[in-house]
Amino acid sequence: MIYAICVGLLRLIYAVLFPLKIVGRDNVPKEGGVLLCANHISLLDPMTIGIKLKRQVKYMAKAELFEVPVLGWLIKQLGAFPVKRGGVSKESIKTSLNTLRSGHVMGIFPEGTRNSDSGSAKKGAASFALRSGAAVVPAAIIGSYKPFRRMTVVYGAPIDLSSFEGAGSESLEAVTDVIMGRIREMIESGKPSQH
């Protein structure tokens, strides 16, 4: 109930400040675990990739954000769970895998930090993808969050990672490259990836 109210308010705010154009929403599976992998350009990205979907998107957020009045409460209602400074703990990895294996949607930004040119990425998303068995959906956030300018979110078709199943940790880099390649492709084209 609180989630629905928060999302409704955010949709109103976005409608005025950053009108969202959504492309390829049907590429997000209606059920089962989904790892939503997006480029990262702003602190607003977790809300941007989730508020127009019918399913709640859970995501990691820096522990310090939960201490900020109002913001901390809001992100918790929106499905965030804390990650301590200095990297992802065993506890947050376990929470992430349980989230995906329980059939929820989890948003993740493979680049880790905000990066305007979609550069190098970390291997966490690839690890979650291979260990959880969740569908991996690439998402591209296009725009600059300038007030009253349209933002676009493109959701691509789930990425087939079956050829990497059973491979060791050396495959994480290759999986990361595949995921980031799809995201970059969609940023450039503005269209969902279909392969």
Protein backbone atom coordinates (compact mmCIF):
# COMPACT_ATOMS: atom_id res chain seq x y z
CA MET A 1 0.00 0.00 0.00
CA ILE A 2 2.72 2.48 1.03
CA TYR A 3 4.76 1.39 -2.01
CA ALA A 4 1.81 2.14 -4.33
CA ILE A 5 1.35 5.60 -2.77
CA CYS A 6 5.08 6.42 -3.06
CA VAL A 7 5.19 5.28 -6.68
CA GLY A 8 2.05 7.28 -7.47
CA LEU A 9 3.62 10.44 -6.02
CA LEU A 10 6.88 9.84 -7.88
CA ARG A 11 5.01 9.36 -11.15
CA LEU A 12 3.34 12.75 -10.63
CA ILE A 13 6.67 14.44 -9.84
CA TYR A 14 8.33 12.82 -12.87
CA ALA A 15 5.39 13.77 -15.11
CA VAL A 16 6.20 17.41 -14.38
CA LEU A 17 9.99 17.43 -13.98
CA PHE A 18 11.27 14.57 -16.16
CA PRO A 19 8.48 13.20 -18.37
CA LEU A 20 9.32 9.53 -18.98
CA LYS A 21 9.09 7.82 -22.34
CA ILE A 22 9.10 4.05 -21.80
CA VAL A 23 10.16 1.69 -24.59
CA GLY A 24 10.04 -2.11 -24.46
CA ARG A 25 8.29 -2.47 -21.10
CA ASP A 26 6.88 -5.85 -22.23
CA ASN A 27 10.45 -7.21 -22.28
CA VAL A 28 10.37 -7.34 -18.46
CA PRO A 29 8.96 -10.80 -17.55
CA LYS A 30 5.66 -10.64 -15.67
CA GLU A 31 6.82 -13.18 -13.09
CA GLY A 32 9.94 -14.89 -11.79
CA GLY A 33 13.29 -13.46 -10.76
CA VAL A 34 14.56 -10.62 -12.96
CA LEU A 35 17.92 -8.87 -12.79
CA LEU A 36 17.39 -5.44 -14.34
CA CYS A 37 20.82 -4.11 -15.44
CA ALA A 38 21.06 -0.42 -16.35
CA ASN A 39 23.59 2.32 -17.00
CA HIS A 40 24.11 4.71 -14.09
CA ILE A 41 24.01 8.47 -14.62
CA SER A 42 22.25 9.84 -11.52
CA LEU A 43 21.12 9.09 -7.96
CA LEU A 44 17.60 9.14 -9.44
CA ASP A 45 18.26 6.08 -11.64
CA PRO A 46 16.81 3.43 -9.26
CA MET A 47 13.47 5.28 -9.23
CA THR A 48 13.63 5.97 -12.96
CA ILE A 49 13.98 2.30 -13.96
CA GLY A 50 11.23 1.15 -11.61
CA ILE A 51 8.35 3.58 -11.26
CA LYS A 52 6.69 2.80 -14.61
CA LEU A 53 6.84 -0.99 -14.23
CA LYS A 54 3.96 -3.04 -12.84
CA ARG A 55 6.41 -4.98 -10.65
CA GLN A 56 8.36 -3.53 -7.71
CA VAL A 57 12.08 -3.19 -8.34
CA LYS A 58 14.32 -3.82 -5.33
CA TYR A 59 17.89 -2.52 -5.27
CA MET A 60 20.99 -1.95 -3.16
CA ALA A 61 21.64 1.53 -1.79
CA LYS A 62 24.50 2.99 0.25
CA ALA A 63 23.82 2.53 3.97
CA GLU A 64 24.37 6.27 4.58
CA LEU A 65 21.34 7.12 2.43
CA PHE A 66 19.07 5.35 4.93
CA GLU A 67 20.17 7.87 7.59
CA VAL A 68 18.95 10.87 5.55
CA PRO A 69 15.56 12.07 6.84
CA VAL A 70 12.67 11.42 4.43
CA LEU A 71 14.99 10.00 1.72
CA GLY A 72 15.93 7.03 3.90
CA TRP A 73 12.28 6.25 4.60
CA LEU A 74 11.33 6.72 0.93
CA ILE A 75 13.98 4.43 -0.55
CA LYS A 76 13.16 1.75 2.01
CA GLN A 77 9.49 1.90 0.95
CA LEU A 78 10.62 1.63 -2.68
CA GLY A 79 12.46 -1.63 -1.99
CA ALA A 80 16.04 -0.56 -1.26
CA PHE A 81 18.26 -2.52 1.10
CA PRO A 82 21.51 -1.15 2.57
CA VAL A 83 25.07 -1.83 1.44
CA LYS A 84 27.88 -0.74 3.75
CA ARG A 85 30.67 1.53 2.55
CA GLY A 86 33.74 -0.29 1.27
CA GLY A 87 32.08 -2.83 -0.97
CA VAL A 88 29.31 -5.39 -1.05
CA SER A 89 29.18 -7.55 2.08
CA LYS A 90 28.32 -11.26 2.25
CA GLU A 91 25.03 -10.22 3.81
CA SER A 92 24.04 -7.96 0.89
CA ILE A 93 25.09 -10.66 -1.63
CA LYS A 94 22.90 -13.16 0.23
CA THR A 95 19.99 -10.67 0.31
CA SER A 96 20.38 -10.03 -3.44
CA LEU A 97 20.45 -13.73 -4.35
CA ASN A 98 17.46 -14.46 -2.08
CA THR A 99 15.57 -11.54 -3.68
CA LEU A 100 16.14 -12.97 -7.17
CA ARG A 101 15.54 -16.62 -6.23
CA SER A 102 12.29 -15.62 -4.51
CA GLY A 103 11.00 -14.34 -7.85
CA HIS A 104 11.45 -10.58 -7.36
CA VAL A 105 12.88 -7.92 -9.68
CA MET A 106 16.21 -6.44 -8.62
CA GLY A 107 17.76 -3.41 -10.27
CA ILE A 108 21.53 -3.19 -10.50
CA PHE A 109 23.99 -0.83 -12.13
CA PRO A 110 26.96 -2.89 -13.40
CA GLU A 111 29.16 0.22 -13.49
CA GLY A 112 28.77 0.54 -9.72
CA THR A 113 29.26 4.33 -9.67
CA ARG A 114 27.63 7.02 -11.78
CA ASN A 115 29.25 7.21 -15.18
CA SER A 116 28.01 9.44 -17.99
CA ASP A 117 29.68 7.53 -20.80
CA SER A 118 28.81 3.95 -19.79
CA GLY A 119 32.42 2.93 -19.33
CA SER A 120 34.01 0.11 -17.37
CA ALA A 121 31.80 -2.22 -15.35
CA LYS A 122 32.23 -4.44 -12.31
CA LYS A 123 31.43 -8.15 -12.30
CA GLY A 124 28.75 -8.19 -9.57
CA ALA A 125 25.81 -8.18 -11.97
CA ALA A 126 27.30 -11.08 -13.94
CA SER A 127 27.84 -13.04 -10.73
CA PHE A 128 24.24 -12.49 -9.58
CA ALA A 129 22.97 -13.42 -13.05
CA LEU A 130 24.82 -16.74 -13.18
CA ARG A 131 24.25 -17.71 -9.54
CA SER A 132 20.55 -16.83 -9.31
CA GLY A 133 19.25 -18.14 -12.63
CA ALA A 134 17.14 -14.96 -12.93
CA ALA A 135 16.21 -13.46 -16.29
CA VAL A 136 18.70 -10.71 -17.19
CA VAL A 137 17.02 -7.66 -18.72
CA PRO A 138 19.20 -4.78 -19.98
CA ALA A 139 17.85 -1.25 -19.50
CA ALA A 140 19.11 2.03 -20.93
CA ILE A 141 18.45 5.38 -19.27
CA ILE A 142 18.71 8.11 -21.90
CA GLY A 143 18.66 11.81 -21.02
CA SER A 144 20.26 14.20 -18.58
CA TYR A 145 17.67 14.87 -15.84
CA LYS A 146 17.37 18.51 -16.84
CA PRO A 147 14.07 19.88 -15.50
CA PHE A 148 11.12 19.64 -17.92
CA ARG A 149 13.17 17.59 -20.43
CA ARG A 150 12.01 14.16 -21.50
CA MET A 151 13.88 11.10 -20.20
CA THR A 152 13.69 7.75 -21.97
CA VAL A 153 14.00 4.28 -20.46
CA VAL A 154 14.47 1.38 -22.88
CA TYR A 155 14.05 -2.23 -21.70
CA GLY A 156 15.67 -4.87 -23.89
CA ALA A 157 14.79 -8.53 -24.37
CA PRO A 158 16.18 -10.88 -21.69
CA ILE A 159 19.76 -11.87 -22.47
CA ASP A 160 20.40 -15.56 -23.10
CA LEU A 161 23.33 -16.52 -20.88
CA SER A 162 22.86 -20.29 -21.19
CA SER A 163 26.20 -20.68 -22.96
CA PHE A 164 27.94 -19.42 -19.80
CA GLU A 165 26.21 -21.82 -17.35
CA GLY A 166 28.65 -23.99 -15.43
CA ALA A 167 31.59 -21.86 -16.50
CA GLY A 168 33.99 -20.67 -13.83
CA SER A 169 34.68 -17.19 -12.56
CA GLU A 170 36.66 -16.44 -15.74
CA SER A 171 33.33 -16.14 -17.56
CA LEU A 172 32.22 -13.20 -15.38
CA GLU A 173 34.11 -10.69 -17.51
CA ALA A 174 32.57 -12.08 -20.71
CA VAL A 175 29.05 -11.97 -19.22
CA THR A 176 29.67 -8.39 -18.02
CA ASP A 177 30.78 -7.44 -21.54
CA VAL A 178 27.61 -8.95 -23.04
CA ILE A 179 25.35 -7.09 -20.59
CA MET A 180 27.12 -3.74 -21.03
CA GLY A 181 27.23 -4.22 -24.80
CA ARG A 182 23.42 -4.52 -24.91
CA ILE A 183 22.98 -1.46 -22.72
CA ARG A 184 25.33 0.64 -24.89
CA GLU A 185 23.56 -0.57 -28.04
CA MET A 186 20.21 0.62 -26.64
CA ILE A 187 21.62 3.97 -25.47
CA GLU A 188 22.81 4.60 -29.05
CA SER A 189 19.72 3.33 -30.87
CA GLY A 190 16.96 4.22 -28.39
CA LYS A 191 15.41 0.85 -29.26
CA PRO A 192 15.14 -2.41 -27.30
CA SER A 193 17.74 -5.08 -28.01
CA GLN A 194 16.02 -8.17 -29.43
CA HIS A 195 18.71 -10.86 -29.28
